[in-house]
Amino acid sequence: MKRYLIAGCGLILVVALYSVLNLVRVPSVAGTYQEAMNRLRAAGLHVQAVDAAGQPRDPHDLELVVSQSPGAGAIASLDSTVTLRTRVPSAEVVVPDVVGRRVSQAISIVHDAGLWLDSDGVITHPGSLTRAPDGSMVHDGIIATTYPAPHALVPFGTDVVYFLVGER
């Protein structure tokens, strides 16, 4: 019984010390970049993605985490940065058919396929607005067609340009 009491006190002391010193244990972030960002931010840490040469980059949310620094289980200061290296999970993906859907619905469908949805830039009617994943506001019209066409095989991360009903 005394051993458990002493072990319990030691655990409380460690937790209290982490709290006072603003330290956190770095979580394991195996999985997608989006999952890794969520876990690290929930732990109070910042995220930086880098390429193979160590240069900062902006990966797609569905890229897979290859490595992290500091590693899982390391002790880090609250608000410090964890660096992630990512890779593309597949060379080619199929463009989903979002014709006839609102832009607000199509954004997540196309993004979940590993692609980006992008406007052709020509909006000839006001329509309502919706927020894109990057925070920008886009017109929430009905999609008439896309380029590349639905069901085309394209490289992961390709921009799928949409054209709204009523555009010229």
C-alpha atoms as a PDB file:
ATOM      1  CA  MET A   1       0.000   0.000   0.000  1.00  0.00           C
ATOM      2  CA  LYS A   2       2.822   2.412   0.819  1.00  0.00           C
ATOM      3  CA  ARG A   3       4.482   1.751  -2.551  1.00  0.00           C
ATOM      4  CA  TYR A   4       1.300   2.771  -4.407  1.00  0.00           C
ATOM      5  CA  LEU A   5       0.965   5.891  -2.299  1.00  0.00           C
ATOM      6  CA  ILE A   6       4.556   6.910  -3.010  1.00  0.00           C
ATOM      7  CA  ALA A   7       4.178   6.145  -6.745  1.00  0.00           C
ATOM      8  CA  GLY A   8       0.944   8.147  -6.830  1.00  0.00           C
ATOM      9  CA  CYS A   9       2.605  11.116  -5.133  1.00  0.00           C
ATOM     10  CA  GLY A  10       5.449  10.967  -7.651  1.00  0.00           C
ATOM     11  CA  LEU A  11       2.975  11.074 -10.533  1.00  0.00           C
ATOM     12  CA  ILE A  12       1.176  14.062  -9.020  1.00  0.00           C
ATOM     13  CA  LEU A  13       4.531  15.797  -8.533  1.00  0.00           C
ATOM     14  CA  VAL A  14       5.500  15.213 -12.185  1.00  0.00           C
ATOM     15  CA  VAL A  15       2.124  16.477 -13.459  1.00  0.00           C
ATOM     16  CA  ALA A  16       2.360  19.547 -11.218  1.00  0.00           C
ATOM     17  CA  LEU A  17       5.924  20.221 -12.371  1.00  0.00           C
ATOM     18  CA  TYR A  18       4.893  19.976 -16.067  1.00  0.00           C
ATOM     19  CA  SER A  19       2.082  22.421 -15.389  1.00  0.00           C
ATOM     20  CA  VAL A  20       4.262  24.968 -13.566  1.00  0.00           C
ATOM     21  CA  LEU A  21       6.999  24.810 -16.203  1.00  0.00           C
ATOM     22  CA  ASN A  22       4.504  24.868 -19.128  1.00  0.00           C
ATOM     23  CA  LEU A  23       5.780  21.560 -20.482  1.00  0.00           C
ATOM     24  CA  VAL A  24       3.871  19.031 -22.556  1.00  0.00           C
ATOM     25  CA  ARG A  25       4.585  15.533 -23.823  1.00  0.00           C
ATOM     26  CA  VAL A  26       4.704  15.521 -27.643  1.00  0.00           C
ATOM     27  CA  PRO A  27       2.006  13.158 -28.973  1.00  0.00           C
ATOM     28  CA  SER A  28       2.568  10.584 -31.701  1.00  0.00           C
ATOM     29  CA  VAL A  29       1.253  11.950 -34.975  1.00  0.00           C
ATOM     30  CA  ALA A  30       1.279   8.939 -37.278  1.00  0.00           C
ATOM     31  CA  GLY A  31      -1.483   9.378 -39.874  1.00  0.00           C
ATOM     32  CA  THR A  32      -2.547  12.279 -42.063  1.00  0.00           C
ATOM     33  CA  TYR A  33      -1.252  15.832 -41.839  1.00  0.00           C
ATOM     34  CA  GLN A  34      -4.727  17.029 -40.748  1.00  0.00           C
ATOM     35  CA  GLU A  35      -4.869  14.478 -37.921  1.00  0.00           C
ATOM     36  CA  ALA A  36      -1.348  15.449 -36.852  1.00  0.00           C
ATOM     37  CA  MET A  37      -2.222  19.161 -36.797  1.00  0.00           C
ATOM     38  CA  ASN A  38      -5.306  18.457 -34.676  1.00  0.00           C
ATOM     39  CA  ARG A  39      -3.362  16.349 -32.136  1.00  0.00           C
ATOM     40  CA  LEU A  40      -0.477  18.803 -31.858  1.00  0.00           C
ATOM     41  CA  ARG A  41      -2.692  21.869 -31.545  1.00  0.00           C
ATOM     42  CA  ALA A  42      -4.794  20.095 -28.882  1.00  0.00           C
ATOM     43  CA  ALA A  43      -1.548  19.531 -26.941  1.00  0.00           C
ATOM     44  CA  GLY A  44      -0.739  23.253 -27.165  1.00  0.00           C
ATOM     45  CA  LEU A  45       1.954  22.909 -29.820  1.00  0.00           C
ATOM     46  CA  HIS A  46       2.501  24.601 -33.191  1.00  0.00           C
ATOM     47  CA  VAL A  47       3.081  22.759 -36.482  1.00  0.00           C
ATOM     48  CA  GLN A  48       5.530  23.382 -39.305  1.00  0.00           C
ATOM     49  CA  ALA A  49       5.665  21.148 -42.378  1.00  0.00           C
ATOM     50  CA  VAL A  50       8.908  20.814 -44.342  1.00  0.00           C
ATOM     51  CA  ASP A  51      10.009  19.084 -47.523  1.00  0.00           C
ATOM     52  CA  ALA A  52      12.818  16.499 -47.770  1.00  0.00           C
ATOM     53  CA  ALA A  53      15.397  19.333 -47.870  1.00  0.00           C
ATOM     54  CA  GLY A  54      13.971  20.877 -44.695  1.00  0.00           C
ATOM     55  CA  GLN A  55      12.339  23.832 -46.474  1.00  0.00           C
ATOM     56  CA  PRO A  56       8.918  24.988 -45.179  1.00  0.00           C
ATOM     57  CA  ARG A  57       5.958  23.922 -47.306  1.00  0.00           C
ATOM     58  CA  ASP A  58       2.140  23.821 -47.272  1.00  0.00           C
ATOM     59  CA  PRO A  59       1.081  20.166 -47.554  1.00  0.00           C
ATOM     60  CA  HIS A  60      -2.373  18.879 -48.414  1.00  0.00           C
ATOM     61  CA  ASP A  61      -4.341  17.763 -45.328  1.00  0.00           C
ATOM     62  CA  LEU A  62      -4.437  14.145 -46.573  1.00  0.00           C
ATOM     63  CA  GLU A  63      -0.675  13.762 -47.001  1.00  0.00           C
ATOM     64  CA  LEU A  64       0.832  11.205 -44.644  1.00  0.00           C
ATOM     65  CA  VAL A  65       3.253  12.136 -41.870  1.00  0.00           C
ATOM     66  CA  VAL A  66       6.637  10.468 -42.437  1.00  0.00           C
ATOM     67  CA  SER A  67       8.500  11.850 -39.415  1.00  0.00           C
ATOM     68  CA  GLN A  68       8.209  14.369 -36.611  1.00  0.00           C
ATOM     69  CA  SER A  69      10.719  16.377 -34.585  1.00  0.00           C
ATOM     70  CA  PRO A  70      10.758  16.352 -31.647  1.00  0.00           C
ATOM     71  CA  GLY A  71       9.616  12.734 -31.593  1.00  0.00           C
ATOM     72  CA  ALA A  72       6.618  11.211 -29.865  1.00  0.00           C
ATOM     73  CA  GLY A  73       6.996  11.173 -26.078  1.00  0.00           C
ATOM     74  CA  ALA A  74       9.553  13.980 -25.971  1.00  0.00           C
ATOM     75  CA  ILE A  75       9.006  16.794 -23.490  1.00  0.00           C
ATOM     76  CA  ALA A  76       8.520  20.218 -25.115  1.00  0.00           C
ATOM     77  CA  SER A  77       7.599  23.710 -23.988  1.00  0.00           C
ATOM     78  CA  LEU A  78       3.978  24.706 -24.442  1.00  0.00           C
ATOM     79  CA  ASP A  79       3.612  26.716 -27.696  1.00  0.00           C
ATOM     80  CA  SER A  80       6.819  25.272 -29.181  1.00  0.00           C
ATOM     81  CA  THR A  81       6.874  23.976 -32.767  1.00  0.00           C
ATOM     82  CA  VAL A  82       6.852  20.373 -33.973  1.00  0.00           C
ATOM     83  CA  THR A  83       8.300  19.902 -37.458  1.00  0.00           C
ATOM     84  CA  LEU A  84       6.617  17.337 -39.725  1.00  0.00           C
ATOM     85  CA  ARG A  85       7.815  15.738 -42.947  1.00  0.00           C
ATOM     86  CA  THR A  86       4.963  14.454 -45.138  1.00  0.00           C
ATOM     87  CA  ARG A  87       4.506  12.444 -48.317  1.00  0.00           C
ATOM     88  CA  VAL A  88       1.750  12.090 -50.889  1.00  0.00           C
ATOM     89  CA  PRO A  89      -0.224   8.874 -50.202  1.00  0.00           C
ATOM     90  CA  SER A  90      -0.889   8.015 -53.857  1.00  0.00           C
ATOM     91  CA  ALA A  91       0.399   9.291 -57.162  1.00  0.00           C
ATOM     92  CA  GLU A  92      -2.986   9.647 -58.874  1.00  0.00           C
ATOM     93  CA  VAL A  93      -6.586  10.096 -57.755  1.00  0.00           C
ATOM     94  CA  VAL A  94      -9.967  10.192 -59.479  1.00  0.00           C
ATOM     95  CA  VAL A  95     -11.752  13.549 -59.825  1.00  0.00           C
ATOM     96  CA  PRO A  96     -15.079  13.201 -57.998  1.00  0.00           C
ATOM     97  CA  ASP A  97     -18.283  14.156 -59.811  1.00  0.00           C
ATOM     98  CA  VAL A  98     -19.559  17.336 -58.119  1.00  0.00           C
ATOM     99  CA  VAL A  99     -21.611  18.606 -61.084  1.00  0.00           C
ATOM    100  CA  GLY A 100     -25.023  19.763 -59.853  1.00  0.00           C
ATOM    101  CA  ARG A 101     -23.802  20.302 -56.273  1.00  0.00           C
ATOM    102  CA  ARG A 102     -23.350  23.580 -54.414  1.00  0.00           C
ATOM    103  CA  VAL A 103     -19.773  24.795 -53.995  1.00  0.00           C
ATOM    104  CA  SER A 104     -20.144  24.452 -50.191  1.00  0.00           C
ATOM    105  CA  GLN A 105     -20.800  20.695 -50.634  1.00  0.00           C
ATOM    106  CA  ALA A 106     -18.187  20.183 -53.339  1.00  0.00           C
ATOM    107  CA  ILE A 107     -15.323  21.712 -51.341  1.00  0.00           C
ATOM    108  CA  SER A 108     -15.186  18.829 -48.857  1.00  0.00           C
ATOM    109  CA  ILE A 109     -15.880  16.126 -51.475  1.00  0.00           C
ATOM    110  CA  VAL A 110     -13.010  17.270 -53.700  1.00  0.00           C
ATOM    111  CA  HIS A 111     -10.716  17.901 -50.727  1.00  0.00           C
ATOM    112  CA  ASP A 112     -11.394  14.429 -49.303  1.00  0.00           C
ATOM    113  CA  ALA A 113     -10.232  12.988 -52.636  1.00  0.00           C
ATOM    114  CA  GLY A 114      -6.855  14.715 -52.186  1.00  0.00           C
ATOM    115  CA  LEU A 115      -7.549  17.584 -54.583  1.00  0.00           C
ATOM    116  CA  TRP A 116      -8.195  21.345 -54.343  1.00  0.00           C
ATOM    117  CA  LEU A 117     -11.375  23.021 -55.596  1.00  0.00           C
ATOM    118  CA  ASP A 118     -10.778  26.355 -57.325  1.00  0.00           C
ATOM    119  CA  SER A 119     -13.035  28.887 -59.048  1.00  0.00           C
ATOM    120  CA  ASP A 120     -12.424  29.875 -62.649  1.00  0.00           C
ATOM    121  CA  GLY A 121     -12.442  33.441 -61.313  1.00  0.00           C
ATOM    122  CA  VAL A 122     -15.406  34.583 -63.396  1.00  0.00           C
ATOM    123  CA  ILE A 123     -18.564  35.168 -61.364  1.00  0.00           C
ATOM    124  CA  THR A 124     -21.360  36.777 -63.382  1.00  0.00           C
ATOM    125  CA  HIS A 125     -24.021  36.716 -60.661  1.00  0.00           C
ATOM    126  CA  PRO A 126     -23.747  37.506 -56.937  1.00  0.00           C
ATOM    127  CA  GLY A 127     -25.113  34.283 -55.373  1.00  0.00           C
ATOM    128  CA  SER A 128     -24.618  33.495 -51.700  1.00  0.00           C
ATOM    129  CA  LEU A 129     -21.184  33.105 -50.143  1.00  0.00           C
ATOM    130  CA  THR A 130     -19.589  30.195 -48.299  1.00  0.00           C
ATOM    131  CA  ARG A 131     -16.247  29.925 -46.490  1.00  0.00           C
ATOM    132  CA  ALA A 132     -13.522  27.823 -48.133  1.00  0.00           C
ATOM    133  CA  PRO A 133     -11.029  25.776 -46.031  1.00  0.00           C
ATOM    134  CA  ASP A 134      -8.404  28.519 -46.442  1.00  0.00           C
ATOM    135  CA  GLY A 135     -10.799  31.044 -44.878  1.00  0.00           C
ATOM    136  CA  SER A 136     -11.616  32.890 -48.086  1.00  0.00           C
ATOM    137  CA  MET A 137     -15.203  33.542 -49.117  1.00  0.00           C
ATOM    138  CA  VAL A 138     -16.441  31.926 -52.353  1.00  0.00           C
ATOM    139  CA  HIS A 139     -19.744  32.084 -54.208  1.00  0.00           C
ATOM    140  CA  ASP A 140     -21.947  29.127 -53.281  1.00  0.00           C
ATOM    141  CA  GLY A 141     -23.539  28.514 -56.656  1.00  0.00           C
ATOM    142  CA  ILE A 142     -24.418  25.269 -58.444  1.00  0.00           C
ATOM    143  CA  ILE A 143     -21.496  23.655 -60.286  1.00  0.00           C
ATOM    144  CA  ALA A 144     -22.180  23.210 -64.019  1.00  0.00           C
ATOM    145  CA  THR A 145     -18.895  21.535 -64.966  1.00  0.00           C
ATOM    146  CA  THR A 146     -15.326  21.018 -63.795  1.00  0.00           C
ATOM    147  CA  TYR A 147     -11.899  20.811 -65.341  1.00  0.00           C
ATOM    148  CA  PRO A 148     -10.518  18.183 -65.253  1.00  0.00           C
ATOM    149  CA  ALA A 149     -13.772  16.368 -65.957  1.00  0.00           C
ATOM    150  CA  PRO A 150     -15.366  14.052 -63.384  1.00  0.00           C
ATOM    151  CA  HIS A 151     -13.766  10.580 -63.188  1.00  0.00           C
ATOM    152  CA  ALA A 152     -10.496  11.773 -64.781  1.00  0.00           C
ATOM    153  CA  LEU A 153      -7.300  10.377 -63.254  1.00  0.00           C
ATOM    154  CA  VAL A 154      -5.095  13.265 -62.040  1.00  0.00           C
ATOM    155  CA  PRO A 155      -2.057  13.745 -59.768  1.00  0.00           C
ATOM    156  CA  PHE A 156      -2.762  14.083 -56.043  1.00  0.00           C
ATOM    157  CA  GLY A 157      -3.122  17.760 -55.076  1.00  0.00           C
ATOM    158  CA  THR A 158      -4.360  18.946 -58.507  1.00  0.00           C
ATOM    159  CA  ASP A 159      -6.614  22.022 -58.670  1.00  0.00           C
ATOM    160  CA  VAL A 160     -10.104  21.135 -59.912  1.00  0.00           C
ATOM    161  CA  VAL A 161     -11.532  24.285 -61.508  1.00  0.00           C
ATOM    162  CA  TYR A 162     -15.297  24.635 -61.323  1.00  0.00           C
ATOM    163  CA  PHE A 163     -17.717  26.658 -63.429  1.00  0.00           C
ATOM    164  CA  LEU A 164     -21.065  27.711 -61.991  1.00  0.00           C
ATOM    165  CA  VAL A 165     -24.466  27.493 -63.633  1.00  0.00           C
ATOM    166  CA  GLY A 166     -25.190  30.861 -65.254  1.00  0.00           C
ATOM    167  CA  GLU A 167     -21.532  31.785 -65.889  1.00  0.00           C
ATOM    168  CA  ARG A 168     -20.380  32.682 -69.335  1.00  0.00           C
END
